[in-house]
Amino acid sequence: MRSVLDHFQDVARHADVVLLQPNIPWQAFPLEGDAEAQPLNDIRNQAVLANQNGLEPIFVVDPLNGLNRREFMGLPDGWPASFAAPQVRQSYADFALWIVRTFHPRLVGLASEINTYADAYPEDFPNFLSLYRKVYASIKQISPETRVFVTFQWEDLNNLFAAVNEGRPAFHVNWEQVEAFEPQLDLWVISSYPFAAFARGADIPPDYYTPLLTRTDKPLAVAEGGYSSSPVGPYAGTPQDQSDYLRAIHTQIGPRLEFWIYLLLTDLDTKSYGRLMRKNGVEAHDVDSLGMFAFVGLQAMDGSAKPGLAVWDELRAERGAP
């Protein structure tokens, strides 16, 4: 518990907002009686810690596996893995509306990197769209001022991963996957991990993010992202690459960003996380996937700052925004 408290305090020294991205506790709904399920209490406690440290919580409701967004996370036995399934649709809607009624957030996301799921299951994507539109309308009835979005994985949207680009050319942006949500999309929000696509941060093209500026006049945001400061798996990485990545986003789309979330403040202890994940029955490939983010933090595991942290603080002061 001490480490959690310290983490929120540490984040508050470098940020104004924090992303809370809970997976859906499918079996917690419908709510029965006064007692709330532990996952809901955990979310309340995280929001309390955020507020105590002067951090605005931004929520993203996440039905999918954060390490493999081509699959659902934690569905009860016997539930179909489809956004057409009535129990999936009901629990998703109930949880999203619980978030809005409980916290009245200024910003709430209803899925993360949803284009990766759309690529994998194009036949189910329309079912998610219909569910999103229904929940969007319900949120606006409850809290008209809350702005709603989903996030899109930018490298995948640009077809930079040959194994999953469905034959489309690199840098051909799948705008139709974003615009399918219009007009019920209050911000355009991306995630970006370009170390998986470019050997160096300096290789990020000077117009890599700028197509967003002319494709929409809505606010933009980065809901997660980062660059590895050390080689990991097949990917290269140096502290300079991390700084170059931060400056690329700031230079190209910084003035339009409503908020900007960097994935990790501190590097991951992958051995400890791996043991815990395996103990909890997490698949080996998901443990391996987590390892790809081991050195994305702006601080080393001992808390020492990397050069990118000073760059982050500099750019944050220049932007004067979350």
C-alpha atoms as a PDB file:
ATOM      1  CA  MET A   1       0.000   0.000   0.000  1.00  0.00           C
ATOM      2  CA  ARG A   2       2.875   2.355   0.782  1.00  0.00           C
ATOM      3  CA  SER A   3       4.236   1.978  -2.720  1.00  0.00           C
ATOM      4  CA  VAL A   4       0.832   2.909  -4.173  1.00  0.00           C
ATOM      5  CA  LEU A   5       0.672   6.065  -2.094  1.00  0.00           C
ATOM      6  CA  ASP A   6       4.232   6.965  -3.049  1.00  0.00           C
ATOM      7  CA  HIS A   7       3.462   6.377  -6.713  1.00  0.00           C
ATOM      8  CA  PHE A   8       0.520   8.785  -6.778  1.00  0.00           C
ATOM      9  CA  GLN A   9       2.627  11.401  -4.983  1.00  0.00           C
ATOM     10  CA  ASP A  10       5.451  10.886  -7.465  1.00  0.00           C
ATOM     11  CA  VAL A  11       3.128  11.164 -10.458  1.00  0.00           C
ATOM     12  CA  ALA A  12       1.670  14.394  -9.078  1.00  0.00           C
ATOM     13  CA  ARG A  13       5.101  16.021  -9.281  1.00  0.00           C
ATOM     14  CA  HIS A  14       5.078  15.575 -13.038  1.00  0.00           C
ATOM     15  CA  ALA A  15       1.425  15.589 -14.101  1.00  0.00           C
ATOM     16  CA  ASP A  16      -1.999  17.129 -13.660  1.00  0.00           C
ATOM     17  CA  VAL A  17      -4.064  14.133 -14.758  1.00  0.00           C
ATOM     18  CA  VAL A  18      -3.901  10.379 -14.270  1.00  0.00           C
ATOM     19  CA  LEU A  19      -5.473   7.656 -16.399  1.00  0.00           C
ATOM     20  CA  LEU A  20      -7.571   5.070 -14.572  1.00  0.00           C
ATOM     21  CA  GLN A  21      -8.248   2.207 -16.971  1.00  0.00           C
ATOM     22  CA  PRO A  22     -10.093  -0.602 -15.210  1.00  0.00           C
ATOM     23  CA  ASN A  23     -11.126  -3.783 -16.917  1.00  0.00           C
ATOM     24  CA  ILE A  24     -14.833  -4.436 -16.659  1.00  0.00           C
ATOM     25  CA  PRO A  25     -15.777  -6.453 -13.561  1.00  0.00           C
ATOM     26  CA  TRP A  26     -18.348  -8.349 -15.584  1.00  0.00           C
ATOM     27  CA  GLN A  27     -19.983 -10.223 -12.707  1.00  0.00           C
ATOM     28  CA  ALA A  28     -20.333  -7.151 -10.487  1.00  0.00           C
ATOM     29  CA  PHE A  29     -23.459  -6.187 -12.400  1.00  0.00           C
ATOM     30  CA  PRO A  30     -26.295  -5.906 -11.890  1.00  0.00           C
ATOM     31  CA  LEU A  31     -25.528  -4.290  -8.533  1.00  0.00           C
ATOM     32  CA  GLU A  32     -27.313  -5.944  -5.644  1.00  0.00           C
ATOM     33  CA  GLY A  33     -27.907  -4.276  -2.303  1.00  0.00           C
ATOM     34  CA  ASP A  34     -25.574  -1.749  -0.716  1.00  0.00           C
ATOM     35  CA  ALA A  35     -22.370  -3.754  -0.865  1.00  0.00           C
ATOM     36  CA  GLU A  36     -20.164  -3.111  -3.870  1.00  0.00           C
ATOM     37  CA  ALA A  37     -17.802  -5.658  -5.368  1.00  0.00           C
ATOM     38  CA  GLN A  38     -14.142  -5.251  -4.472  1.00  0.00           C
ATOM     39  CA  PRO A  39     -13.133  -4.105  -7.988  1.00  0.00           C
ATOM     40  CA  LEU A  40     -15.521  -1.169  -7.652  1.00  0.00           C
ATOM     41  CA  ASN A  41     -14.099  -0.284  -4.231  1.00  0.00           C
ATOM     42  CA  ASP A  42     -10.615  -0.417  -5.746  1.00  0.00           C
ATOM     43  CA  ILE A  43     -11.627   2.106  -8.403  1.00  0.00           C
ATOM     44  CA  ARG A  44     -13.137   4.395  -5.772  1.00  0.00           C
ATOM     45  CA  ASN A  45      -9.883   4.239  -3.800  1.00  0.00           C
ATOM     46  CA  GLN A  46      -7.788   5.057  -6.847  1.00  0.00           C
ATOM     47  CA  ALA A  47      -9.994   8.071  -7.570  1.00  0.00           C
ATOM     48  CA  VAL A  48      -9.622   9.208  -3.944  1.00  0.00           C
ATOM     49  CA  LEU A  49      -5.824   8.944  -4.178  1.00  0.00           C
ATOM     50  CA  ALA A  50      -5.847  10.873  -7.439  1.00  0.00           C
ATOM     51  CA  ASN A  51      -7.931  13.677  -5.964  1.00  0.00           C
ATOM     52  CA  GLN A  52      -5.865  13.794  -2.776  1.00  0.00           C
ATOM     53  CA  ASN A  53      -2.781  14.381  -4.884  1.00  0.00           C
ATOM     54  CA  GLY A  54      -4.331  17.027  -7.113  1.00  0.00           C
ATOM     55  CA  LEU A  55      -4.649  14.727 -10.112  1.00  0.00           C
ATOM     56  CA  GLU A  56      -7.747  14.749 -12.301  1.00  0.00           C
ATOM     57  CA  PRO A  57      -8.775  11.147 -13.063  1.00  0.00           C
ATOM     58  CA  ILE A  58      -9.534  10.333 -16.681  1.00  0.00           C
ATOM     59  CA  PHE A  59     -11.359   7.026 -17.017  1.00  0.00           C
ATOM     60  CA  VAL A  60     -11.156   4.464 -19.802  1.00  0.00           C
ATOM     61  CA  VAL A  61     -13.559   1.525 -19.590  1.00  0.00           C
ATOM     62  CA  ASP A  62     -11.634  -1.452 -20.952  1.00  0.00           C
ATOM     63  CA  PRO A  63     -13.403  -4.669 -22.012  1.00  0.00           C
ATOM     64  CA  LEU A  64     -10.270  -6.077 -23.682  1.00  0.00           C
ATOM     65  CA  ASN A  65      -6.925  -7.549 -22.638  1.00  0.00           C
ATOM     66  CA  GLY A  66      -4.431  -4.700 -22.407  1.00  0.00           C
ATOM     67  CA  LEU A  67      -1.621  -6.957 -23.624  1.00  0.00           C
ATOM     68  CA  ASN A  68      -3.650  -8.432 -26.472  1.00  0.00           C
ATOM     69  CA  ARG A  69      -6.550  -6.294 -27.582  1.00  0.00           C
ATOM     70  CA  ARG A  70      -7.750  -9.009 -29.872  1.00  0.00           C
ATOM     71  CA  GLU A  71      -9.385 -10.751 -26.925  1.00  0.00           C
ATOM     72  CA  PHE A  72     -11.752  -9.951 -24.072  1.00  0.00           C
ATOM     73  CA  MET A  73     -10.436  -9.743 -20.521  1.00  0.00           C
ATOM     74  CA  GLY A  74     -11.887 -11.845 -17.736  1.00  0.00           C
ATOM     75  CA  LEU A  75     -15.172 -12.907 -19.260  1.00  0.00           C
ATOM     76  CA  PRO A  76     -17.051 -15.347 -17.006  1.00  0.00           C
ATOM     77  CA  ASP A  77     -17.161 -18.961 -18.148  1.00  0.00           C
ATOM     78  CA  GLY A  78     -19.826 -19.514 -20.752  1.00  0.00           C
ATOM     79  CA  TRP A  79     -20.110 -15.905 -21.865  1.00  0.00           C
ATOM     80  CA  PRO A  80     -19.650 -15.471 -25.636  1.00  0.00           C
ATOM     81  CA  ALA A  81     -16.629 -13.339 -26.557  1.00  0.00           C
ATOM     82  CA  SER A  82     -18.683 -10.975 -28.682  1.00  0.00           C
ATOM     83  CA  PHE A  83     -20.132  -7.495 -28.405  1.00  0.00           C
ATOM     84  CA  ALA A  84     -23.360  -8.999 -29.698  1.00  0.00           C
ATOM     85  CA  ALA A  85     -23.814 -11.085 -26.529  1.00  0.00           C
ATOM     86  CA  PRO A  86     -26.600  -9.624 -24.350  1.00  0.00           C
ATOM     87  CA  GLN A  87     -24.740 -10.193 -21.065  1.00  0.00           C
ATOM     88  CA  VAL A  88     -21.591  -8.531 -22.446  1.00  0.00           C
ATOM     89  CA  ARG A  89     -23.562  -5.535 -23.670  1.00  0.00           C
ATOM     90  CA  GLN A  90     -25.466  -5.151 -20.399  1.00  0.00           C
ATOM     91  CA  SER A  91     -22.431  -5.392 -18.126  1.00  0.00           C
ATOM     92  CA  TYR A  92     -20.407  -3.051 -20.326  1.00  0.00           C
ATOM     93  CA  ALA A  93     -23.179  -0.446 -20.276  1.00  0.00           C
ATOM     94  CA  ASP A  94     -23.842  -0.850 -16.551  1.00  0.00           C
ATOM     95  CA  PHE A  95     -20.160  -0.408 -15.683  1.00  0.00           C
ATOM     96  CA  ALA A  96     -19.667   2.624 -17.924  1.00  0.00           C
ATOM     97  CA  LEU A  97     -22.739   4.318 -16.453  1.00  0.00           C
ATOM     98  CA  TRP A  98     -21.609   3.438 -12.914  1.00  0.00           C
ATOM     99  CA  ILE A  99     -18.343   5.271 -13.643  1.00  0.00           C
ATOM    100  CA  VAL A 100     -20.210   8.337 -14.876  1.00  0.00           C
ATOM    101  CA  ARG A 101     -22.775   8.412 -12.058  1.00  0.00           C
ATOM    102  CA  THR A 102     -20.151   7.814  -9.386  1.00  0.00           C
ATOM    103  CA  PHE A 103     -17.414  10.202 -10.495  1.00  0.00           C
ATOM    104  CA  HIS A 104     -19.018  12.596 -13.021  1.00  0.00           C
ATOM    105  CA  PRO A 105     -15.743  12.704 -14.943  1.00  0.00           C
ATOM    106  CA  ARG A 106     -14.903  15.418 -17.419  1.00  0.00           C
ATOM    107  CA  LEU A 107     -13.492  12.780 -19.777  1.00  0.00           C
ATOM    108  CA  VAL A 108     -14.344   9.106 -20.184  1.00  0.00           C
ATOM    109  CA  GLY A 109     -13.191   6.579 -22.760  1.00  0.00           C
ATOM    110  CA  LEU A 110     -15.266   3.561 -23.684  1.00  0.00           C
ATOM    111  CA  ALA A 111     -12.531   1.352 -25.173  1.00  0.00           C
ATOM    112  CA  SER A 112      -8.780   1.320 -25.698  1.00  0.00           C
ATOM    113  CA  GLU A 113      -7.033   0.738 -29.039  1.00  0.00           C
ATOM    114  CA  ILE A 114     -10.319  -0.445 -30.482  1.00  0.00           C
ATOM    115  CA  ASN A 115      -9.005  -0.498 -34.068  1.00  0.00           C
ATOM    116  CA  THR A 116      -6.908  -3.564 -33.232  1.00  0.00           C
ATOM    117  CA  TYR A 117     -10.104  -5.409 -32.317  1.00  0.00           C
ATOM    118  CA  ALA A 118     -11.783  -4.084 -35.466  1.00  0.00           C
ATOM    119  CA  ASP A 119      -8.951  -5.525 -37.565  1.00  0.00           C
ATOM    120  CA  ALA A 120      -9.157  -8.911 -35.871  1.00  0.00           C
ATOM    121  CA  TYR A 121     -12.953  -9.215 -35.792  1.00  0.00           C
ATOM    122  CA  PRO A 122     -14.494  -7.036 -38.508  1.00  0.00           C
ATOM    123  CA  GLU A 123     -17.726  -8.986 -38.183  1.00  0.00           C
ATOM    124  CA  ASP A 124     -18.073  -8.008 -34.505  1.00  0.00           C
ATOM    125  CA  PHE A 125     -16.935  -4.399 -34.834  1.00  0.00           C
ATOM    126  CA  PRO A 126     -20.429  -3.167 -35.873  1.00  0.00           C
ATOM    127  CA  ASN A 127     -21.768  -4.700 -32.663  1.00  0.00           C
ATOM    128  CA  PHE A 128     -19.302  -2.650 -30.651  1.00  0.00           C
ATOM    129  CA  LEU A 129     -20.237   0.480 -32.599  1.00  0.00           C
ATOM    130  CA  SER A 130     -23.921   0.027 -31.825  1.00  0.00           C
ATOM    131  CA  LEU A 131     -23.128  -0.546 -28.152  1.00  0.00           C
ATOM    132  CA  TYR A 132     -20.880   2.514 -28.046  1.00  0.00           C
ATOM    133  CA  ARG A 133     -23.560   4.729 -29.557  1.00  0.00           C
ATOM    134  CA  LYS A 134     -26.143   3.480 -27.073  1.00  0.00           C
ATOM    135  CA  VAL A 135     -23.865   4.101 -24.071  1.00  0.00           C
ATOM    136  CA  TYR A 136     -22.741   7.464 -25.463  1.00  0.00           C
ATOM    137  CA  ALA A 137     -26.356   8.625 -25.593  1.00  0.00           C
ATOM    138  CA  SER A 138     -26.987   7.388 -22.046  1.00  0.00           C
ATOM    139  CA  ILE A 139     -23.920   9.200 -20.737  1.00  0.00           C
ATOM    140  CA  LYS A 140     -25.046  12.460 -22.322  1.00  0.00           C
ATOM    141  CA  GLN A 141     -28.428  12.118 -20.615  1.00  0.00           C
ATOM    142  CA  ILE A 142     -26.801  11.592 -17.212  1.00  0.00           C
ATOM    143  CA  SER A 143     -23.872  13.993 -17.565  1.00  0.00           C
ATOM    144  CA  PRO A 144     -24.092  16.217 -20.656  1.00  0.00           C
ATOM    145  CA  GLU A 145     -20.772  17.894 -19.881  1.00  0.00           C
ATOM    146  CA  THR A 146     -18.808  14.613 -19.875  1.00  0.00           C
ATOM    147  CA  ARG A 147     -16.822  14.181 -23.079  1.00  0.00           C
ATOM    148  CA  VAL A 148     -16.638  10.677 -24.490  1.00  0.00           C
ATOM    149  CA  PHE A 149     -14.073   8.944 -26.681  1.00  0.00           C
ATOM    150  CA  VAL A 150     -12.391   5.679 -27.596  1.00  0.00           C
ATOM    151  CA  THR A 151      -8.678   5.319 -28.328  1.00  0.00           C
ATOM    152  CA  PHE A 152      -6.944   4.128 -31.476  1.00  0.00           C
ATOM    153  CA  GLN A 153      -3.514   2.520 -31.771  1.00  0.00           C
ATOM    154  CA  TRP A 154      -1.658   4.895 -34.081  1.00  0.00           C
ATOM    155  CA  GLU A 155       1.036   2.559 -35.433  1.00  0.00           C
ATOM    156  CA  ASP A 156      -1.592  -0.063 -36.264  1.00  0.00           C
ATOM    157  CA  LEU A 157      -3.891   2.593 -37.711  1.00  0.00           C
ATOM    158  CA  ASN A 158      -0.962   3.520 -40.006  1.00  0.00           C
ATOM    159  CA  ASN A 159      -0.467  -0.142 -40.990  1.00  0.00           C
ATOM    160  CA  LEU A 160       3.134  -0.211 -39.774  1.00  0.00           C
ATOM    161  CA  PHE A 161       2.918  -3.782 -38.454  1.00  0.00           C
ATOM    162  CA  ALA A 162       3.293  -6.048 -41.464  1.00  0.00           C
ATOM    163  CA  ALA A 163       1.859  -9.083 -39.675  1.00  0.00           C
ATOM    164  CA  VAL A 164      -1.514  -7.396 -39.078  1.00  0.00           C
ATOM    165  CA  ASN A 165      -1.881  -4.791 -41.827  1.00  0.00           C
ATOM    166  CA  GLU A 166      -4.260  -6.936 -43.914  1.00  0.00           C
ATOM    167  CA  GLY A 167      -2.217  -6.093 -47.015  1.00  0.00           C
ATOM    168  CA  ARG A 168      -2.598  -2.315 -46.709  1.00  0.00           C
ATOM    169  CA  PRO A 169       0.474  -0.155 -47.424  1.00  0.00           C
ATOM    170  CA  ALA A 170       2.452   1.457 -44.617  1.00  0.00           C
ATOM    171  CA  PHE A 171       1.332   4.994 -43.713  1.00  0.00           C
ATOM    172  CA  HIS A 172      -2.061   4.393 -45.310  1.00  0.00           C
ATOM    173  CA  VAL A 173      -4.189   5.534 -42.358  1.00  0.00           C
ATOM    174  CA  ASN A 174      -7.380   3.592 -41.703  1.00  0.00           C
ATOM    175  CA  TRP A 175      -9.414   6.745 -41.127  1.00  0.00           C
ATOM    176  CA  GLU A 176     -12.664   4.861 -41.670  1.00  0.00           C
ATOM    177  CA  GLN A 177     -12.144   3.050 -38.354  1.00  0.00           C
ATOM    178  CA  VAL A 178     -12.038   6.399 -36.536  1.00  0.00           C
ATOM    179  CA  GLU A 179     -14.744   8.149 -38.495  1.00  0.00           C
ATOM    180  CA  ALA A 180     -17.126   5.243 -37.953  1.00  0.00           C
ATOM    181  CA  PHE A 181     -17.690   6.719 -34.468  1.00  0.00           C
ATOM    182  CA  GLU A 182     -18.626  10.173 -35.682  1.00  0.00           C
ATOM    183  CA  PRO A 183     -20.410  12.301 -34.713  1.00  0.00           C
ATOM    184  CA  GLN A 184     -20.502  10.629 -31.266  1.00  0.00           C
ATOM    185  CA  LEU A 185     -16.799  11.170 -30.696  1.00  0.00           C
ATOM    186  CA  ASP A 186     -15.904  14.214 -28.641  1.00  0.00           C
ATOM    187  CA  LEU A 187     -12.120  13.874 -28.966  1.00  0.00           C
ATOM    188  CA  TRP A 188      -9.796  11.956 -31.259  1.00  0.00           C
ATOM    189  CA  VAL A 189      -7.483   9.994 -28.990  1.00  0.00           C
ATOM    190  CA  ILE A 190      -4.525   7.798 -29.901  1.00  0.00           C
ATOM    191  CA  SER A 191      -1.927   5.576 -28.289  1.00  0.00           C
ATOM    192  CA  SER A 192       1.553   5.499 -29.792  1.00  0.00           C
ATOM    193  CA  TYR A 193       4.581   3.267 -29.213  1.00  0.00           C
ATOM    194  CA  PRO A 194       6.756   4.033 -32.239  1.00  0.00           C
ATOM    195  CA  PHE A 195       9.780   2.088 -30.948  1.00  0.00           C
ATOM    196  CA  ALA A 196       7.939  -0.933 -32.381  1.00  0.00           C
ATOM    197  CA  ALA A 197       8.010   0.678 -35.844  1.00  0.00           C
ATOM    198  CA  PHE A 198      11.106   2.906 -35.990  1.00  0.00           C
ATOM    199  CA  ALA A 199      14.673   1.986 -35.030  1.00  0.00           C
ATOM    200  CA  ARG A 200      15.330   5.412 -33.488  1.00  0.00           C
ATOM    201  CA  GLY A 201      13.239   8.199 -32.077  1.00  0.00           C
ATOM    202  CA  ALA A 202      14.907  10.501 -34.598  1.00  0.00           C
ATOM    203  CA  ASP A 203      13.429   8.321 -37.367  1.00  0.00           C
ATOM    204  CA  ILE A 204       9.869   9.326 -36.480  1.00  0.00           C
ATOM    205  CA  PRO A 205       8.827  11.293 -39.592  1.00  0.00           C
ATOM    206  CA  PRO A 206       8.262  15.026 -39.066  1.00  0.00           C
ATOM    207  CA  ASP A 207       4.724  14.586 -40.392  1.00  0.00           C
ATOM    208  CA  TYR A 208       3.953  11.334 -38.575  1.00  0.00           C
ATOM    209  CA  TYR A 209       1.267  12.721 -36.244  1.00  0.00           C
ATOM    210  CA  THR A 210       0.305  15.842 -38.215  1.00  0.00           C
ATOM    211  CA  PRO A 211      -2.361  14.157 -40.411  1.00  0.00           C
ATOM    212  CA  LEU A 212      -4.587  14.293 -37.335  1.00  0.00           C
ATOM    213  CA  LEU A 213      -4.531  18.101 -37.461  1.00  0.00           C
ATOM    214  CA  THR A 214      -6.251  18.330 -40.822  1.00  0.00           C
ATOM    215  CA  ARG A 215      -8.478  15.268 -40.589  1.00  0.00           C
ATOM    216  CA  THR A 216     -10.508  16.691 -37.683  1.00  0.00           C
ATOM    217  CA  ASP A 217     -11.016  19.988 -35.940  1.00  0.00           C
ATOM    218  CA  LYS A 218     -11.838  18.262 -32.653  1.00  0.00           C
ATOM    219  CA  PRO A 219      -9.436  18.190 -29.703  1.00  0.00           C
ATOM    220  CA  LEU A 220      -6.740  15.528 -29.818  1.00  0.00           C
ATOM    221  CA  ALA A 221      -5.205  13.489 -27.008  1.00  0.00           C
ATOM    222  CA  VAL A 222      -2.615  10.808 -26.344  1.00  0.00           C
ATOM    223  CA  ALA A 223      -4.106   8.320 -23.904  1.00  0.00           C
ATOM    224  CA  GLU A 224      -0.984   6.185 -23.617  1.00  0.00           C
ATOM    225  CA  GLY A 225       2.383   5.838 -25.241  1.00  0.00           C
ATOM    226  CA  GLY A 226       6.105   5.776 -24.751  1.00  0.00           C
ATOM    227  CA  TYR A 227       9.490   4.849 -26.124  1.00  0.00           C
ATOM    228  CA  SER A 228      11.904   2.309 -24.689  1.00  0.00           C
ATOM    229  CA  SER A 229      15.140   3.765 -23.348  1.00  0.00           C
ATOM    230  CA  SER A 230      16.963   0.422 -23.711  1.00  0.00           C
ATOM    231  CA  PRO A 231      16.935  -2.400 -26.263  1.00  0.00           C
ATOM    232  CA  VAL A 232      14.243  -4.959 -25.539  1.00  0.00           C
ATOM    233  CA  GLY A 233      13.368  -8.017 -27.594  1.00  0.00           C
ATOM    234  CA  PRO A 234      13.653  -7.114 -31.283  1.00  0.00           C
ATOM    235  CA  TYR A 235      13.491  -3.370 -30.577  1.00  0.00           C
ATOM    236  CA  ALA A 236      16.262  -0.836 -30.116  1.00  0.00           C
ATOM    237  CA  GLY A 237      16.103   2.026 -27.650  1.00  0.00           C
ATOM    238  CA  THR A 238      18.231   4.656 -25.938  1.00  0.00           C
ATOM    239  CA  PRO A 239      17.505   7.536 -23.568  1.00  0.00           C
ATOM    240  CA  GLN A 240      17.937   9.924 -26.506  1.00  0.00           C
ATOM    241  CA  ASP A 241      15.280   8.035 -28.474  1.00  0.00           C
ATOM    242  CA  GLN A 242      12.863   8.555 -25.608  1.00  0.00           C
ATOM    243  CA  SER A 243      13.499  12.297 -25.600  1.00  0.00           C
ATOM    244  CA  ASP A 244      13.148  12.474 -29.391  1.00  0.00           C
ATOM    245  CA  TYR A 245       9.781  10.710 -29.173  1.00  0.00           C
ATOM    246  CA  LEU A 246       8.489  13.226 -26.634  1.00  0.00           C
ATOM    247  CA  ARG A 247       9.623  16.152 -28.757  1.00  0.00           C
ATOM    248  CA  ALA A 248       8.034  14.627 -31.875  1.00  0.00           C
ATOM    249  CA  ILE A 249       4.596  14.544 -30.288  1.00  0.00           C
ATOM    250  CA  HIS A 250       5.003  17.990 -28.746  1.00  0.00           C
ATOM    251  CA  THR A 251       6.242  19.587 -31.954  1.00  0.00           C
ATOM    252  CA  GLN A 252       3.728  17.965 -34.263  1.00  0.00           C
ATOM    253  CA  ILE A 253       0.442  18.020 -32.331  1.00  0.00           C
ATOM    254  CA  GLY A 254       1.186  19.529 -28.912  1.00  0.00           C
ATOM    255  CA  PRO A 255      -0.974  22.653 -29.221  1.00  0.00           C
ATOM    256  CA  ARG A 256      -4.065  20.544 -30.013  1.00  0.00           C
ATOM    257  CA  LEU A 257      -3.692  18.057 -27.157  1.00  0.00           C
ATOM    258  CA  GLU A 258      -6.477  18.034 -24.583  1.00  0.00           C
ATOM    259  CA  PHE A 259      -4.388  15.663 -22.462  1.00  0.00           C
ATOM    260  CA  TRP A 260      -1.242  13.568 -22.832  1.00  0.00           C
ATOM    261  CA  ILE A 261      -0.621  10.384 -20.859  1.00  0.00           C
ATOM    262  CA  TYR A 262       2.823   8.797 -20.788  1.00  0.00           C
ATOM    263  CA  LEU A 263       2.522   5.082 -20.043  1.00  0.00           C
ATOM    264  CA  LEU A 264       4.992   4.684 -17.175  1.00  0.00           C
ATOM    265  CA  LEU A 265       6.720   7.003 -14.798  1.00  0.00           C
ATOM    266  CA  THR A 266       9.026   4.218 -13.566  1.00  0.00           C
ATOM    267  CA  ASP A 267      10.427   1.162 -15.333  1.00  0.00           C
ATOM    268  CA  LEU A 268       8.787  -2.183 -14.654  1.00  0.00           C
ATOM    269  CA  ASP A 269      10.228  -4.890 -12.435  1.00  0.00           C
ATOM    270  CA  THR A 270       9.330  -7.566 -14.958  1.00  0.00           C
ATOM    271  CA  LYS A 271      10.519 -10.424 -12.756  1.00  0.00           C
ATOM    272  CA  SER A 272       8.126  -9.484  -9.960  1.00  0.00           C
ATOM    273  CA  TYR A 273       5.280  -8.719 -12.332  1.00  0.00           C
ATOM    274  CA  GLY A 274       5.941 -11.933 -14.240  1.00  0.00           C
ATOM    275  CA  ARG A 275       5.793 -14.079 -11.103  1.00  0.00           C
ATOM    276  CA  LEU A 276       2.534 -12.454 -10.024  1.00  0.00           C
ATOM    277  CA  MET A 277       1.006 -12.763 -13.480  1.00  0.00           C
ATOM    278  CA  ARG A 278       1.920 -16.440 -13.808  1.00  0.00           C
ATOM    279  CA  LYS A 279       0.564 -17.078 -10.315  1.00  0.00           C
ATOM    280  CA  ASN A 280      -2.733 -15.524 -11.427  1.00  0.00           C
ATOM    281  CA  GLY A 281      -2.887 -17.727 -14.510  1.00  0.00           C
ATOM    282  CA  VAL A 282      -1.881 -15.125 -17.090  1.00  0.00           C
ATOM    283  CA  GLU A 283      -0.786 -16.664 -20.382  1.00  0.00           C
ATOM    284  CA  ALA A 284       2.955 -16.776 -21.076  1.00  0.00           C
ATOM    285  CA  HIS A 285       2.643 -14.681 -24.241  1.00  0.00           C
ATOM    286  CA  ASP A 286       1.012 -11.884 -22.239  1.00  0.00           C
ATOM    287  CA  VAL A 287       3.861 -11.980 -19.713  1.00  0.00           C
ATOM    288  CA  ASP A 288       6.300 -11.726 -22.623  1.00  0.00           C
ATOM    289  CA  SER A 289       4.331  -8.812 -24.089  1.00  0.00           C
ATOM    290  CA  LEU A 290       4.566  -6.907 -20.820  1.00  0.00           C
ATOM    291  CA  GLY A 291       8.345  -7.297 -20.979  1.00  0.00           C
ATOM    292  CA  MET A 292       8.419  -5.223 -24.170  1.00  0.00           C
ATOM    293  CA  PHE A 293       7.513  -2.185 -22.016  1.00  0.00           C
ATOM    294  CA  ALA A 294      10.081  -2.805 -19.285  1.00  0.00           C
ATOM    295  CA  PHE A 295      12.191   0.295 -20.057  1.00  0.00           C
ATOM    296  CA  VAL A 296       9.528   2.705 -21.242  1.00  0.00           C
ATOM    297  CA  GLY A 297       9.509   4.543 -17.888  1.00  0.00           C
ATOM    298  CA  LEU A 298      10.893   8.047 -17.493  1.00  0.00           C
ATOM    299  CA  GLN A 299      12.634   6.833 -14.348  1.00  0.00           C
ATOM    300  CA  ALA A 300      14.720   3.737 -13.714  1.00  0.00           C
ATOM    301  CA  MET A 301      13.445   1.191 -11.195  1.00  0.00           C
ATOM    302  CA  ASP A 302      15.560   2.813  -8.465  1.00  0.00           C
ATOM    303  CA  GLY A 303      13.734   6.101  -9.031  1.00  0.00           C
ATOM    304  CA  SER A 304      16.612   7.864 -10.763  1.00  0.00           C
ATOM    305  CA  ALA A 305      15.477  10.158 -13.548  1.00  0.00           C
ATOM    306  CA  LYS A 306      16.265   9.509 -17.188  1.00  0.00           C
ATOM    307  CA  PRO A 307      16.882  12.488 -19.483  1.00  0.00           C
ATOM    308  CA  GLY A 308      13.367  12.078 -20.839  1.00  0.00           C
ATOM    309  CA  LEU A 309      11.841  13.108 -17.521  1.00  0.00           C
ATOM    310  CA  ALA A 310      13.417  16.547 -17.727  1.00  0.00           C
ATOM    311  CA  VAL A 311      12.183  16.816 -21.316  1.00  0.00           C
ATOM    312  CA  TRP A 312       8.675  15.805 -20.197  1.00  0.00           C
ATOM    313  CA  ASP A 313       8.687  18.442 -17.447  1.00  0.00           C
ATOM    314  CA  GLU A 314       9.991  21.063 -19.864  1.00  0.00           C
ATOM    315  CA  LEU A 315       7.315  20.341 -22.447  1.00  0.00           C
ATOM    316  CA  ARG A 316       4.594  20.182 -19.799  1.00  0.00           C
ATOM    317  CA  ALA A 317       5.597  23.654 -18.572  1.00  0.00           C
ATOM    318  CA  GLU A 318       5.661  24.959 -22.128  1.00  0.00           C
ATOM    319  CA  ARG A 319       2.206  23.574 -22.888  1.00  0.00           C
ATOM    320  CA  GLY A 320       0.740  24.684 -19.586  1.00  0.00           C
ATOM    321  CA  ALA A 321      -1.814  21.887 -19.921  1.00  0.00           C
ATOM    322  CA  PRO A 322      -2.451  18.323 -18.657  1.00  0.00           C
END
